[in-house]
Amino acid sequence: MKIPLCKPSIDNDEIKLVSRALKSSWLTHGPYNQKFEELFNKKFNYKYSIAMNSCTSALECAVKSLGVKGEIIIPSFTWVSTANAVLNCGSKPVFADIDYKTRNINLKNIKRCITNKTVAIIVVHFAGLPCDMVEISKYCKKNNIKIIEDSAETLGAKIYNKFTGTFGVGCFSFFPTKNITTTEGGMLTTNNKNTYNYVKKLIAHGIDKNIKKKFWHRVAVLPGHNFRMPNHLAAIGYSQLKKITKFNNARNKIANLYSLELSKPFYKIDVPYIPKGFTHSFQMYTITVNVKIRNKLLNFLKKNNIEASAHFDPPLHSQNYLKKYKKKKLPITEKLSKEIITLPIFPDMTKKEVYYVIKTIRKFYKINNL
């Protein structure tokens, strides 16, 4: 048996819509973009959503929409695109430590990084569990600090019945490992009309469609990009989004099964923690084990055809081009990066596959007398 780390759930619904979109000859952004964005708003209570070619593009647009450059606080325990977006827009990343149980940035660690140059915070909701945005939002509002939510991993997750991406400018990913996919793609969400209008121009070469002198004129008002999502990829997203509840429920059932079996005391494995009032979308299922056995267990799983991984090792402040931005010690980030394991999880994963992963972990512990 071979088990991938993840596998997108694509069926005839997506194939039919893509075929329809291709046959329409509308290959750039088009009608399905609007349908996808409107459904996104309806499902998650956003005022404005903009589909684009990647979450990285959404992050860069979010940073540029701040209108100022300065220090932007981010966790080091994340994917490189978070830091890249800050650097590519001329600002400076400031790395904050995280909470061990939630794997998320928290207000205590944010406060340690605040200076008079701080202009924004990019919170990264890890693996499907939201950060404590109630506490963070209250502080940021009081101190005039902008919030960007890297929600790549938390589509459909809530904090006290409020979805991620509604507390600041939200940035979502539709890479094939995520809760829904468009192959490559992302979404920016905002409740601010000015931000929406600015980003709409920014992703389309800086052209303002509201300025019309003659019908063939294209008037550019700022140096933009081509970050638009093609129509046929938006069609995939539109179809996938209709199934998000089903997908997330399946992920939660798999996660519950893992947690039930792996949380037994003799394993000495920490399973994911979910605070009261929070929901988890389980884009990833992560466990932590003793640092002395982490790499051995990962290699053992690999030898047994299980594609486990470690998110995120190395953390950002250990990457060569980012080391200079580390100003404070990050003990929890460093500890977690050496103990974490990401196990396979995807909506179509069978019970047989889940139990094969569990039995393989049990076998490892037995062989090593742990």
Protein backbone atom coordinates (compact mmCIF):
# COMPACT_ATOMS: atom_id res chain seq x y z
CA MET A 1 0.00 0.00 0.00
CA LYS A 2 1.29 3.46 -0.93
CA ILE A 3 -0.23 6.50 0.74
CA PRO A 4 0.42 10.04 -0.53
CA LEU A 5 0.71 12.96 1.86
CA CYS A 6 -2.31 14.46 0.15
CA LYS A 7 -4.44 14.00 -2.94
CA PRO A 8 -6.94 16.45 -4.47
CA SER A 9 -10.57 15.32 -4.77
CA ILE A 10 -11.35 15.87 -8.44
CA ASP A 11 -14.34 14.20 -10.12
CA ASN A 12 -16.63 14.63 -13.13
CA ASP A 13 -18.12 17.85 -11.71
CA GLU A 14 -14.81 19.66 -12.18
CA ILE A 15 -14.04 17.96 -15.50
CA LYS A 16 -17.41 18.98 -16.97
CA LEU A 17 -17.05 22.61 -15.86
CA VAL A 18 -13.48 22.88 -17.15
CA SER A 19 -14.59 21.41 -20.47
CA ARG A 20 -17.43 23.93 -20.64
CA ALA A 21 -15.06 26.80 -19.82
CA LEU A 22 -12.53 25.70 -22.45
CA LYS A 23 -15.19 25.24 -25.10
CA SER A 24 -16.44 28.77 -24.41
CA SER A 25 -13.03 30.02 -25.71
CA TRP A 26 -12.85 32.33 -22.68
CA LEU A 27 -9.43 31.28 -21.41
CA THR A 28 -8.31 34.29 -19.40
CA HIS A 29 -10.24 35.61 -16.38
CA GLY A 30 -13.95 35.49 -17.13
CA PRO A 31 -17.46 34.47 -16.02
CA TYR A 32 -16.35 31.70 -13.67
CA ASN A 33 -14.11 34.12 -11.77
CA GLN A 34 -17.18 36.14 -10.87
CA LYS A 35 -19.17 33.02 -9.92
CA PHE A 36 -16.29 31.73 -7.80
CA GLU A 37 -15.83 35.06 -6.02
CA GLU A 38 -19.55 35.51 -5.38
CA LEU A 39 -19.87 32.02 -3.91
CA PHE A 40 -16.77 32.63 -1.77
CA ASN A 41 -18.39 35.78 -0.33
CA LYS A 42 -21.68 34.02 0.29
CA LYS A 43 -20.19 30.99 2.05
CA PHE A 44 -17.76 32.82 4.32
CA ASN A 45 -19.35 36.26 4.85
CA TYR A 46 -16.76 38.36 3.02
CA LYS A 47 -17.76 41.60 1.36
CA TYR A 48 -15.19 41.33 -1.43
CA SER A 49 -13.15 38.44 -2.85
CA ILE A 50 -10.65 38.49 -5.71
CA ALA A 51 -9.49 35.26 -7.36
CA MET A 52 -5.87 35.30 -8.49
CA ASN A 53 -3.10 33.05 -9.69
CA SER A 54 -1.62 32.14 -6.28
CA CYS A 55 -1.74 32.79 -2.55
CA THR A 56 1.70 34.37 -2.88
CA SER A 57 0.23 36.95 -5.27
CA ALA A 58 -2.58 37.58 -2.79
CA LEU A 59 -0.05 38.14 -0.01
CA GLU A 60 1.96 40.59 -2.11
CA CYS A 61 -1.19 42.50 -3.02
CA ALA A 62 -2.22 42.58 0.63
CA VAL A 63 1.17 44.00 1.67
CA LYS A 64 1.09 46.60 -1.11
CA SER A 65 -2.44 47.61 -0.14
CA LEU A 66 -1.08 48.85 3.20
CA GLY A 67 0.26 51.88 1.38
CA VAL A 68 3.34 52.10 3.61
CA LYS A 69 6.62 50.24 4.09
CA GLY A 70 8.14 49.26 7.39
CA GLU A 71 8.48 46.27 9.69
CA ILE A 72 5.93 43.48 9.33
CA ILE A 73 5.75 40.86 12.05
CA ILE A 74 5.41 37.26 10.86
CA PRO A 75 5.97 33.83 12.39
CA SER A 76 9.14 32.02 11.36
CA PHE A 77 7.17 28.77 11.46
CA THR A 78 5.62 29.04 8.00
CA TRP A 79 6.25 28.63 4.28
CA VAL A 80 8.71 31.01 2.56
CA SER A 81 6.01 32.86 0.59
CA THR A 82 4.98 34.78 3.71
CA ALA A 83 8.44 36.32 4.07
CA ASN A 84 8.91 36.68 0.33
CA ALA A 85 5.77 38.79 0.03
CA VAL A 86 7.10 41.19 2.66
CA LEU A 87 10.54 41.48 1.05
CA ASN A 88 9.23 41.75 -2.50
CA CYS A 89 7.15 44.75 -1.47
CA GLY A 90 10.08 46.59 0.11
CA SER A 91 9.26 45.94 3.76
CA LYS A 92 11.19 44.06 6.41
CA PRO A 93 10.07 40.79 8.06
CA VAL A 94 10.38 40.56 11.84
CA PHE A 95 10.20 36.98 13.08
CA ALA A 96 8.01 36.16 16.08
CA ASP A 97 7.94 32.95 18.08
CA ILE A 98 4.83 30.79 18.37
CA ASP A 99 2.77 28.89 20.92
CA TYR A 100 3.74 25.22 21.20
CA LYS A 101 0.25 23.76 21.58
CA THR A 102 -1.48 25.68 18.78
CA ARG A 103 1.64 26.12 16.54
CA ASN A 104 0.36 29.66 15.98
CA ILE A 105 1.62 33.17 16.57
CA ASN A 106 0.00 34.75 19.64
CA LEU A 107 -0.34 38.21 21.16
CA LYS A 108 2.38 37.66 23.76
CA ASN A 109 4.99 36.98 21.08
CA ILE A 110 3.66 39.74 18.84
CA LYS A 111 4.12 42.32 21.59
CA ARG A 112 7.78 41.33 21.97
CA CYS A 113 8.39 42.32 18.34
CA ILE A 114 6.56 45.66 18.24
CA THR A 115 8.68 48.76 17.47
CA ASN A 116 7.87 52.24 16.24
CA LYS A 117 8.52 50.90 12.71
CA THR A 118 5.83 48.20 12.90
CA VAL A 119 3.17 48.73 10.23
CA ALA A 120 1.46 45.34 10.08
CA ILE A 121 1.26 41.75 11.25
CA ILE A 122 0.83 38.74 9.02
CA VAL A 123 -0.75 36.02 11.12
CA VAL A 124 -0.39 32.53 9.68
CA HIS A 125 -3.16 30.13 10.70
CA PHE A 126 -1.23 26.85 10.94
CA ALA A 127 -2.48 23.55 9.45
CA GLY A 128 -6.16 24.51 9.73
CA LEU A 129 -6.32 25.98 13.26
CA PRO A 130 -6.97 29.75 13.44
CA CYS A 131 -4.89 32.09 15.57
CA ASP A 132 -6.64 33.86 18.45
CA MET A 133 -7.84 36.71 16.26
CA VAL A 134 -10.19 38.20 18.86
CA GLU A 135 -7.27 39.06 21.13
CA ILE A 136 -4.91 40.03 18.29
CA SER A 137 -7.51 42.19 16.49
CA LYS A 138 -8.36 44.12 19.64
CA TYR A 139 -4.69 44.96 20.23
CA CYS A 140 -3.99 45.89 16.60
CA LYS A 141 -7.02 48.15 16.37
CA LYS A 142 -5.97 49.99 19.52
CA ASN A 143 -2.40 50.45 18.21
CA ASN A 144 -3.24 51.18 14.56
CA ILE A 145 -1.48 48.08 13.24
CA LYS A 146 -2.82 46.48 10.07
CA ILE A 147 -3.63 42.77 9.94
CA ILE A 148 -3.04 40.41 7.03
CA GLU A 149 -4.25 36.83 7.47
CA ASP A 150 -2.28 34.11 5.72
CA SER A 151 -5.28 31.78 5.64
CA ALA A 152 -3.80 29.38 3.09
CA GLU A 153 -4.47 26.44 5.43
CA THR A 154 -7.75 27.42 7.11
CA LEU A 155 -10.48 27.58 4.49
CA GLY A 156 -13.75 27.12 6.38
CA ALA A 157 -12.23 27.32 9.87
CA LYS A 158 -13.79 29.61 12.49
CA ILE A 159 -13.02 31.54 15.64
CA TYR A 160 -16.21 31.89 17.68
CA ASN A 161 -18.34 31.47 14.53
CA LYS A 162 -16.33 34.00 12.54
CA PHE A 163 -14.33 32.75 9.54
CA THR A 164 -10.63 33.38 9.06
CA GLY A 165 -10.00 36.09 6.51
CA THR A 166 -12.62 38.40 8.03
CA PHE A 167 -10.38 39.98 10.68
CA GLY A 168 -7.96 41.58 8.21
CA VAL A 169 -7.06 41.16 4.56
CA GLY A 170 -7.37 37.41 3.98
CA CYS A 171 -5.12 35.39 1.66
CA PHE A 172 -6.08 31.85 0.66
CA SER A 173 -4.33 29.12 -1.33
CA PHE A 174 -5.84 26.60 -3.74
CA PHE A 175 -2.66 24.58 -4.30
CA PRO A 176 -3.50 20.83 -4.68
CA THR A 177 -2.64 20.14 -1.01
CA LYS A 178 -5.23 22.62 0.27
CA ASN A 179 -8.86 22.17 1.32
CA ILE A 180 -10.02 22.97 -2.21
CA THR A 181 -7.91 23.31 -5.33
CA THR A 182 -7.78 25.20 -8.61
CA THR A 183 -4.40 23.52 -9.37
CA GLU A 184 -2.52 26.80 -8.79
CA GLY A 185 -4.47 29.74 -7.43
CA GLY A 186 -5.42 31.96 -4.53
CA MET A 187 -8.00 34.38 -3.21
CA LEU A 188 -7.77 37.74 -1.48
CA THR A 189 -10.64 38.75 0.81
CA THR A 190 -11.42 42.12 2.34
CA ASN A 191 -14.28 44.09 3.82
CA ASN A 192 -12.72 47.37 2.69
CA LYS A 193 -13.96 48.73 -0.63
CA ASN A 194 -10.85 50.87 -1.20
CA THR A 195 -8.60 47.85 -0.74
CA TYR A 196 -10.77 45.87 -3.13
CA ASN A 197 -10.65 48.57 -5.83
CA TYR A 198 -6.89 48.98 -5.46
CA VAL A 199 -6.17 45.24 -5.67
CA LYS A 200 -8.48 44.79 -8.67
CA LYS A 201 -6.28 47.28 -10.56
CA LEU A 202 -3.06 45.87 -9.15
CA ILE A 203 -3.67 42.32 -10.46
CA ALA A 204 -4.60 43.55 -13.95
CA HIS A 205 -1.52 45.53 -15.06
CA GLY A 206 -2.67 48.56 -13.05
CA ILE A 207 -5.54 49.25 -15.46
CA ASP A 208 -8.55 51.13 -14.14
CA LYS A 209 -11.58 49.91 -16.04
CA ASN A 210 -13.68 52.77 -14.71
CA ILE A 211 -11.69 55.26 -16.80
CA LYS A 212 -13.05 55.18 -20.35
CA LYS A 213 -12.08 57.75 -22.95
CA LYS A 214 -12.61 55.65 -26.06
CA PHE A 215 -13.82 52.07 -26.17
CA TRP A 216 -10.40 50.68 -27.13
CA HIS A 217 -8.43 52.61 -24.50
CA ARG A 218 -6.83 50.81 -21.54
CA VAL A 219 -5.80 53.36 -18.93
CA ALA A 220 -3.13 52.20 -16.45
CA VAL A 221 -2.99 54.20 -13.21
CA LEU A 222 -0.32 52.27 -11.29
CA PRO A 223 2.49 49.75 -11.93
CA GLY A 224 0.55 46.51 -11.69
CA HIS A 225 1.02 42.81 -12.35
CA ASN A 226 -0.78 40.05 -14.19
CA PHE A 227 -1.98 38.07 -11.17
CA ARG A 228 -5.36 37.06 -12.60
CA MET A 229 -6.81 33.55 -12.39
CA PRO A 230 -7.78 31.96 -15.74
CA ASN A 231 -11.48 31.26 -16.29
CA HIS A 232 -11.14 27.45 -16.50
CA LEU A 233 -9.24 27.31 -13.20
CA ALA A 234 -11.92 29.44 -11.56
CA ALA A 235 -14.42 26.88 -12.86
CA ILE A 236 -12.59 24.18 -10.88
CA GLY A 237 -12.65 26.39 -7.79
CA TYR A 238 -16.35 27.11 -8.20
CA SER A 239 -17.12 23.38 -8.34
CA GLN A 240 -14.76 22.54 -5.46
CA LEU A 241 -16.14 25.28 -3.23
CA LYS A 242 -19.61 23.73 -3.38
CA LYS A 243 -18.09 20.68 -1.66
CA ILE A 244 -16.06 22.46 1.03
CA THR A 245 -18.30 21.34 3.91
CA LYS A 246 -18.13 17.73 2.74
CA PHE A 247 -14.34 17.94 2.30
CA ASN A 248 -13.74 19.52 5.72
CA ASN A 249 -16.06 17.06 7.46
CA ALA A 250 -14.10 14.19 5.89
CA ARG A 251 -10.81 15.71 7.03
CA ASN A 252 -12.14 16.10 10.57
CA LYS A 253 -13.28 12.46 10.71
CA ILE A 254 -9.82 11.29 9.65
CA ALA A 255 -8.20 13.63 12.19
CA ASN A 256 -10.45 12.33 14.96
CA LEU A 257 -9.48 8.76 14.12
CA TYR A 258 -5.78 9.61 14.18
CA SER A 259 -6.13 11.46 17.49
CA LEU A 260 -8.13 8.66 19.10
CA GLU A 261 -5.48 6.06 18.29
CA LEU A 262 -2.28 8.11 18.62
CA SER A 263 -3.07 9.98 21.84
CA LYS A 264 -2.67 6.86 23.99
CA PRO A 265 -0.12 7.64 26.75
CA PHE A 266 2.44 4.94 25.88
CA TYR A 267 3.14 6.54 22.49
CA LYS A 268 4.23 9.86 23.99
CA ILE A 269 2.81 11.58 20.92
CA ASP A 270 1.17 15.01 21.06
CA VAL A 271 -1.85 15.26 18.76
CA PRO A 272 -3.42 18.53 17.54
CA TYR A 273 -4.98 20.81 20.13
CA ILE A 274 -8.20 22.74 19.42
CA PRO A 275 -9.13 25.56 21.84
CA LYS A 276 -12.75 25.94 22.90
CA GLY A 277 -14.72 28.06 20.42
CA PHE A 278 -12.36 27.28 17.51
CA THR A 279 -12.91 24.93 14.58
CA HIS A 280 -10.14 23.18 12.65
CA SER A 281 -10.14 22.59 8.89
CA PHE A 282 -7.27 20.05 9.09
CA GLN A 283 -5.50 21.05 5.91
CA MET A 284 -2.67 19.16 7.59
CA TYR A 285 -2.64 16.68 10.46
CA THR A 286 0.49 17.16 12.55
CA ILE A 287 1.88 15.34 15.56
CA THR A 288 4.97 15.95 17.67
CA VAL A 289 7.35 13.29 18.94
CA ASN A 290 10.64 13.31 20.81
CA VAL A 291 13.37 15.04 18.84
CA LYS A 292 15.59 11.95 19.16
CA ILE A 293 13.19 9.80 17.13
CA ARG A 294 11.56 12.32 14.76
CA ASN A 295 13.86 11.77 11.78
CA LYS A 296 13.94 8.00 12.34
CA LEU A 297 10.15 7.85 12.36
CA LEU A 298 9.88 9.97 9.22
CA ASN A 299 12.35 7.69 7.41
CA PHE A 300 10.51 4.59 8.66
CA LEU A 301 7.20 5.89 7.34
CA LYS A 302 8.85 6.67 4.00
CA LYS A 303 10.31 3.14 3.77
CA ASN A 304 6.80 1.81 4.34
CA ASN A 305 5.38 3.85 1.44
CA ILE A 306 3.81 6.56 3.59
CA GLU A 307 4.57 10.08 2.42
CA ALA A 308 4.85 11.89 5.73
CA SER A 309 6.68 15.22 5.99
CA ALA A 310 7.71 17.97 8.43
CA HIS A 311 6.04 21.38 8.24
CA PHE A 312 8.10 23.44 8.78
CA ASP A 313 11.69 22.31 8.97
CA PRO A 314 13.76 24.39 8.55
CA PRO A 315 11.83 27.44 9.78
CA LEU A 316 12.28 30.73 7.95
CA HIS A 317 14.90 32.26 10.25
CA SER A 318 17.17 29.30 9.44
CA GLN A 319 16.97 29.89 5.68
CA ASN A 320 20.24 31.44 4.45
CA TYR A 321 18.75 34.56 2.88
CA LEU A 322 16.50 35.23 5.88
CA LYS A 323 18.89 34.67 8.79
CA LYS A 324 19.74 38.36 9.06
CA TYR A 325 16.13 39.20 9.98
CA LYS A 326 16.23 37.13 13.16
CA LYS A 327 16.55 39.62 16.04
CA LYS A 328 15.16 37.59 18.96
CA LYS A 329 15.49 34.00 20.13
CA LEU A 330 12.76 31.69 18.82
CA PRO A 331 13.03 28.65 21.12
CA ILE A 332 9.54 27.24 20.52
CA THR A 333 9.85 27.53 16.74
CA GLU A 334 13.19 25.73 16.81
CA LYS A 335 11.92 23.01 19.17
CA LEU A 336 8.74 22.41 17.17
CA SER A 337 10.51 22.28 13.81
CA LYS A 338 12.60 19.34 15.08
CA GLU A 339 9.68 17.45 16.63
CA ILE A 340 6.82 17.88 14.16
CA ILE A 341 5.55 15.31 11.67
CA THR A 342 2.82 15.83 9.08
CA LEU A 343 0.80 12.68 8.43
CA PRO A 344 -1.22 11.98 5.28
CA ILE A 345 -4.71 13.45 5.21
CA PHE A 346 -7.10 14.10 2.33
CA PRO A 347 -10.90 13.82 1.93
CA ASP A 348 -10.84 10.55 -0.06
CA MET A 349 -8.48 8.81 2.36
CA THR A 350 -9.98 5.47 3.41
CA LYS A 351 -10.15 3.99 6.92
CA LYS A 352 -7.87 1.22 5.69
CA GLU A 353 -5.26 3.81 4.69
CA VAL A 354 -5.59 5.66 8.01
CA TYR A 355 -5.16 2.46 9.99
CA TYR A 356 -2.17 1.49 7.87
CA VAL A 357 -0.47 4.74 8.95
CA ILE A 358 -1.40 4.11 12.59
CA LYS A 359 -0.22 0.48 12.50
CA THR A 360 3.07 1.52 10.90
CA ILE A 361 3.68 4.03 13.70
CA ARG A 362 2.87 1.32 16.26
CA LYS A 363 5.30 -1.00 14.51
CA PHE A 364 8.04 1.64 14.71
CA TYR A 365 7.52 2.06 18.48
CA LYS A 366 7.52 -1.71 19.00
CA ILE A 367 10.69 -2.31 16.95
CA ASN A 368 12.51 0.45 18.83
CA ASN A 369 11.19 -0.57 22.29
CA LEU A 370 9.71 2.89 22.84
